[in-house]
């Protein structure tokens, strides 16, 4: 393939294939190209050996699929790309691609840490009495408490990084949170968690009487093992987003029409 500012010539990489394109820039505007020659018939199979299709390129190409399924496995990817030019992607290339996709979706961790110091200064300036402790970039588990405002938007209330996630670390985190929020009557609060056992234990001891609910994304992680598929996932989320008992019943009835076993269990 030959490219410059005036002309483009491209041929198929397949051995013996006659597919050819030749185009030249139009002198009227010097931005539009006209195809002067196009042999638009391939006599080869799919040629998948392309050095430009890197893990970064694949991550960008499939980024929306990774957003829909952040825990995508190699088997999931093979199903997604079956009968396409990406069907022979190696497991090595796939795992590199998942790492690149995570970097795109979540940003580079070290870069995120660089803005935390400024964030803490702004937090202390605008919210006197807040508690902040930032040391340095480190590995570990991130514990987070978020809230929902009147516009149904999520905002962070508190977060901490600890060595591991267990009952002791959640007790420590929630105790500080309870003190900072000056919680007296825990029965007035509703808390949603991912059903992590340590967190459940800590909530039970520190927020006795509070309404405890579970995150639908984590419920779906177990649900999809028995009932896979995008349609059932959408039906599950529709049920979770119901705001009245009657609306919830209608959404559940719709799930029953799709899969009665999913409706029951």
Protein backbone atom coordinates (compact mmCIF):
# COMPACT_ATOMS: atom_id res chain seq x y z
CA UNK A 1 0.00 0.00 0.00
CA UNK A 2 1.28 3.48 -0.90
CA UNK A 3 -0.09 6.69 0.64
CA UNK A 4 0.87 10.33 0.36
CA UNK A 5 -0.91 13.68 0.17
CA UNK A 6 -1.71 13.26 -3.54
CA UNK A 7 -2.43 9.60 -4.22
CA UNK A 8 -3.39 6.35 -2.56
CA UNK A 9 -2.76 2.85 -3.85
CA UNK A 10 -3.92 -0.20 -1.94
CA UNK A 11 -3.87 -3.91 -2.74
CA UNK A 12 -5.16 -6.95 -0.90
CA UNK A 13 -2.58 -8.77 1.19
CA UNK A 14 -4.01 -12.14 0.16
CA UNK A 15 -1.69 -14.07 -2.11
CA UNK A 16 -2.83 -13.83 -5.74
CA UNK A 17 -5.87 -11.65 -4.89
CA UNK A 18 -6.72 -9.02 -7.49
CA UNK A 19 -8.45 -6.49 -5.18
CA UNK A 20 -6.95 -3.08 -6.00
CA UNK A 21 -7.74 0.55 -5.25
CA UNK A 22 -6.10 3.59 -6.82
CA UNK A 23 -7.24 7.13 -5.96
CA UNK A 24 -5.94 10.68 -6.51
CA UNK A 25 -6.70 13.94 -4.75
CA UNK A 26 -9.04 16.37 -6.51
CA UNK A 27 -7.39 19.65 -7.47
CA UNK A 28 -10.58 21.60 -6.73
CA UNK A 29 -10.21 21.38 -2.96
CA UNK A 30 -7.19 19.14 -2.35
CA UNK A 31 -9.12 17.27 0.37
CA UNK A 32 -11.38 14.96 -1.65
CA UNK A 33 -10.01 11.79 -3.22
CA UNK A 34 -11.46 10.22 -6.36
CA UNK A 35 -11.21 6.47 -6.90
CA UNK A 36 -9.87 6.12 -10.44
CA UNK A 37 -9.41 2.35 -10.27
CA UNK A 38 -11.27 -0.13 -8.10
CA UNK A 39 -11.15 -3.88 -8.58
CA UNK A 40 -13.70 -4.66 -5.87
CA UNK A 41 -13.68 -8.45 -6.00
CA UNK A 42 -11.64 -10.58 -3.57
CA UNK A 43 -10.37 -13.98 -4.71
CA UNK A 44 -8.87 -14.81 -1.30
CA UNK A 45 -10.06 -15.81 2.13
CA UNK A 46 -9.84 -13.62 5.21
CA UNK A 47 -6.27 -12.50 5.90
CA UNK A 48 -5.93 -12.06 9.65
CA UNK A 49 -2.17 -11.48 9.83
CA UNK A 50 -2.11 -7.73 10.33
CA UNK A 51 0.60 -6.20 12.51
CA UNK A 52 -1.44 -3.02 12.91
CA UNK A 53 -4.16 -4.89 14.80
CA UNK A 54 -2.49 -4.53 18.20
CA UNK A 55 -3.97 -5.05 21.67
CA UNK A 56 -4.53 -1.28 21.87
CA UNK A 57 -6.38 -1.28 18.55
CA UNK A 58 -8.53 -4.26 19.59
CA UNK A 59 -9.32 -2.63 22.94
CA UNK A 60 -10.55 0.54 21.22
CA UNK A 61 -12.50 -1.46 18.63
CA UNK A 62 -14.30 -3.57 21.23
CA UNK A 63 -14.45 -0.97 24.03
CA UNK A 64 -18.27 -0.86 24.12
CA UNK A 65 -18.39 -4.65 24.42
CA UNK A 66 -15.98 -4.47 27.34
CA UNK A 67 -18.14 -1.77 28.95
CA UNK A 68 -21.16 -4.06 28.68
CA UNK A 69 -19.18 -7.04 29.98
CA UNK A 70 -16.18 -5.88 32.08
CA UNK A 71 -15.43 -9.47 33.13
CA UNK A 72 -15.40 -10.83 29.58
CA UNK A 73 -13.59 -14.17 29.27
CA UNK A 74 -11.68 -15.53 26.32
CA UNK A 75 -14.60 -17.88 25.56
CA UNK A 76 -17.00 -14.90 25.63
CA UNK A 77 -14.75 -13.09 23.17
CA UNK A 78 -14.58 -16.10 20.86
CA UNK A 79 -18.38 -16.26 20.84
CA UNK A 80 -18.58 -12.54 20.11
CA UNK A 81 -16.11 -12.70 17.21
CA UNK A 82 -17.17 -16.03 15.70
CA UNK A 83 -17.29 -15.90 11.90
CA UNK A 84 -15.48 -12.55 11.82
CA UNK A 85 -11.94 -11.56 10.93
CA UNK A 86 -11.13 -11.51 14.66
CA UNK A 87 -12.12 -15.15 15.23
CA UNK A 88 -8.53 -16.43 15.49
CA UNK A 89 -7.35 -13.90 18.09
CA UNK A 90 -4.99 -15.74 20.43
CA UNK A 91 -5.58 -15.97 24.17
CA UNK A 92 -2.34 -14.03 24.70
CA UNK A 93 -3.58 -11.17 22.49
CA UNK A 94 -6.98 -11.25 24.19
CA UNK A 95 -5.56 -10.89 27.71
CA UNK A 96 -3.36 -8.01 26.59
CA UNK A 97 -6.47 -6.48 25.06
CA UNK A 98 -8.44 -6.76 28.32
CA UNK A 99 -5.68 -4.91 30.16
CA UNK A 100 -5.68 -2.14 27.56
CA UNK A 101 -9.49 -1.93 27.73
CA UNK A 102 -9.34 -1.53 31.51
CA UNK A 103 -6.81 1.27 31.11
CA UNK A 104 -9.13 3.04 28.67
CA UNK A 105 -12.24 2.59 30.84
CA UNK A 106 -10.71 3.28 34.23
CA UNK A 107 -7.71 5.44 33.38
CA UNK A 108 -4.19 4.78 34.51
CA UNK A 109 -4.14 4.28 38.28
CA UNK A 110 -0.99 6.28 38.87
CA UNK A 111 -2.38 9.21 36.91
CA UNK A 112 -5.51 9.12 39.04
CA UNK A 113 -3.43 9.24 42.22
CA UNK A 114 -1.74 12.43 41.03
CA UNK A 115 -4.98 14.40 41.25
CA UNK A 116 -5.97 13.08 44.69
CA UNK A 117 -3.81 15.56 46.59
CA UNK A 118 -5.49 18.51 44.87
CA UNK A 119 -8.89 16.88 45.39
CA UNK A 120 -8.23 16.54 49.13
CA UNK A 121 -7.23 20.20 49.41
CA UNK A 122 -10.43 21.28 47.67
CA UNK A 123 -12.45 18.93 49.83
CA UNK A 124 -11.04 20.38 53.05
CA UNK A 125 -11.51 23.92 51.77
CA UNK A 126 -15.15 23.52 50.76
CA UNK A 127 -16.15 20.96 53.41
CA UNK A 128 -14.50 21.91 56.72
CA UNK A 129 -14.36 18.97 59.12
CA UNK A 130 -13.78 16.34 56.41
CA UNK A 131 -11.25 13.59 57.11
CA UNK A 132 -8.50 13.00 54.50
CA UNK A 133 -5.35 10.88 54.64
CA UNK A 134 -3.36 10.49 51.40
CA UNK A 135 0.10 8.91 51.54
CA UNK A 136 1.31 7.62 48.17
CA UNK A 137 0.49 5.32 45.27
CA UNK A 138 0.00 1.83 46.62
CA UNK A 139 -1.62 -1.49 45.93
CA UNK A 140 -4.50 -2.89 47.97
CA UNK A 141 -8.27 -2.77 48.18
CA UNK A 142 -10.30 0.38 47.72
CA UNK A 143 -13.21 0.75 50.15
CA UNK A 144 -15.80 3.30 49.04
CA UNK A 145 -19.07 4.71 50.32
CA UNK A 146 -21.18 6.60 47.75
CA UNK A 147 -24.54 8.34 47.99
CA UNK A 148 -27.41 9.28 45.69
CA UNK A 149 -28.52 12.92 45.46
CA UNK A 150 -31.94 14.35 44.63
CA UNK A 151 -31.09 14.24 40.91
CA UNK A 152 -30.37 10.50 41.14
CA UNK A 153 -26.66 11.20 40.67
CA UNK A 154 -23.92 9.30 42.48
CA UNK A 155 -21.27 11.10 44.53
CA UNK A 156 -18.43 9.81 46.77
CA UNK A 157 -18.86 10.22 50.51
CA UNK A 158 -15.72 8.47 51.73
CA UNK A 159 -13.05 6.09 50.48
CA UNK A 160 -9.98 4.38 51.88
CA UNK A 161 -7.29 1.97 50.68
CA UNK A 162 -6.49 -1.00 52.86
CA UNK A 163 -4.37 -4.14 52.60
CA UNK A 164 -7.34 -6.47 52.11
CA UNK A 165 -11.12 -6.57 52.32
CA UNK A 166 -12.43 -8.31 55.42
CA UNK A 167 -14.59 -7.76 58.50
CA UNK A 168 -11.86 -5.86 60.37
CA UNK A 169 -11.15 -3.35 57.56
CA UNK A 170 -14.84 -2.76 56.91
CA UNK A 171 -15.46 -2.27 60.64
CA UNK A 172 -12.68 0.32 60.74
CA UNK A 173 -13.97 2.11 57.61
CA UNK A 174 -17.64 2.12 58.60
CA UNK A 175 -16.89 3.23 62.15
CA UNK A 176 -15.07 6.31 60.83
CA UNK A 177 -17.87 6.92 58.32
CA UNK A 178 -20.48 6.70 61.07
CA UNK A 179 -18.55 9.17 63.21
CA UNK A 180 -18.01 11.66 60.37
CA UNK A 181 -21.69 11.57 59.38
CA UNK A 182 -22.71 11.81 63.05
CA UNK A 183 -25.09 8.88 62.63
CA UNK A 184 -27.29 8.39 65.70
CA UNK A 185 -30.39 6.52 64.53
CA UNK A 186 -29.18 3.85 62.08
CA UNK A 187 -32.78 2.84 61.34
CA UNK A 188 -33.12 5.92 59.13
CA UNK A 189 -30.51 4.66 56.67
CA UNK A 190 -30.61 2.33 53.66
CA UNK A 191 -27.32 0.74 52.58
CA UNK A 192 -26.60 -1.20 49.38
CA UNK A 193 -23.62 -3.54 49.18
CA UNK A 194 -22.07 -6.24 46.99
CA UNK A 195 -22.74 -8.97 49.60
CA UNK A 196 -19.07 -9.28 50.51
CA UNK A 197 -19.12 -11.29 53.73
CA UNK A 198 -16.85 -8.95 55.68
CA UNK A 199 -19.00 -5.98 54.71
CA UNK A 200 -22.21 -7.77 55.66
CA UNK A 201 -20.78 -8.57 59.09
CA UNK A 202 -19.67 -4.97 59.64
CA UNK A 203 -23.00 -3.51 58.53
CA UNK A 204 -24.84 -5.90 60.83
CA UNK A 205 -22.84 -4.78 63.87
CA UNK A 206 -22.53 -1.03 63.18
CA UNK A 207 -25.82 -0.26 61.38
CA UNK A 208 -28.26 -2.38 63.33
CA UNK A 209 -31.84 -1.80 62.14
CA UNK A 210 -30.83 -0.14 58.85
CA UNK A 211 -32.37 -1.32 55.56
CA UNK A 212 -29.75 -3.52 53.83
CA UNK A 213 -30.06 -4.11 50.09
CA UNK A 214 -27.76 -5.65 47.47
CA UNK A 215 -26.15 -4.30 44.30
CA UNK A 216 -27.85 -5.58 41.14
CA UNK A 217 -24.60 -5.76 39.17
CA UNK A 218 -23.23 -8.25 41.68
CA UNK A 219 -26.54 -10.12 41.81
CA UNK A 220 -26.39 -10.39 38.03
CA UNK A 221 -22.88 -11.89 38.23
CA UNK A 222 -24.47 -14.92 39.92
CA UNK A 223 -27.74 -14.73 37.96
CA UNK A 224 -26.01 -14.97 34.57
CA UNK A 225 -24.31 -18.26 35.51
CA UNK A 226 -27.72 -19.96 35.29
CA UNK A 227 -29.48 -17.49 33.01
CA UNK A 228 -27.04 -15.93 30.50
CA UNK A 229 -27.92 -13.52 27.72
CA UNK A 230 -28.38 -9.80 27.18
CA UNK A 231 -32.20 -9.94 27.12
CA UNK A 232 -32.47 -11.48 30.61
CA UNK A 233 -29.87 -9.01 31.88
CA UNK A 234 -32.01 -6.14 30.60
CA UNK A 235 -35.13 -7.65 32.20
CA UNK A 236 -33.32 -8.00 35.54
CA UNK A 237 -32.24 -4.37 35.46
CA UNK A 238 -35.74 -3.26 34.50
CA UNK A 239 -37.05 -5.00 37.63
CA UNK A 240 -34.38 -3.38 39.79
CA UNK A 241 -35.17 0.08 38.43
CA UNK A 242 -38.90 -0.18 39.17
CA UNK A 243 -39.98 2.62 41.48
CA UNK A 244 -43.45 1.35 42.47
CA UNK A 245 -44.81 -2.10 43.46
CA UNK A 246 -47.13 -2.18 40.44
CA UNK A 247 -44.33 -1.28 38.02
CA UNK A 248 -42.14 -3.96 39.60
CA UNK A 249 -44.87 -6.60 39.11
CA UNK A 250 -45.17 -5.70 35.41
CA UNK A 251 -41.41 -5.95 34.88
CA UNK A 252 -41.33 -9.32 36.67
CA UNK A 253 -44.19 -10.55 34.47
CA UNK A 254 -42.14 -9.60 31.42
CA UNK A 255 -39.21 -11.65 32.74
CA UNK A 256 -41.56 -14.60 33.30
CA UNK A 257 -42.62 -14.44 29.64
CA UNK A 258 -38.98 -14.67 28.56
CA UNK A 259 -37.85 -17.37 31.02
CA UNK A 260 -40.09 -18.74 33.77
CA UNK A 261 -37.17 -20.40 35.56
CA UNK A 262 -35.38 -17.05 35.79
CA UNK A 263 -38.58 -15.53 37.19
CA UNK A 264 -38.85 -18.22 39.89
CA UNK A 265 -35.26 -18.58 40.89
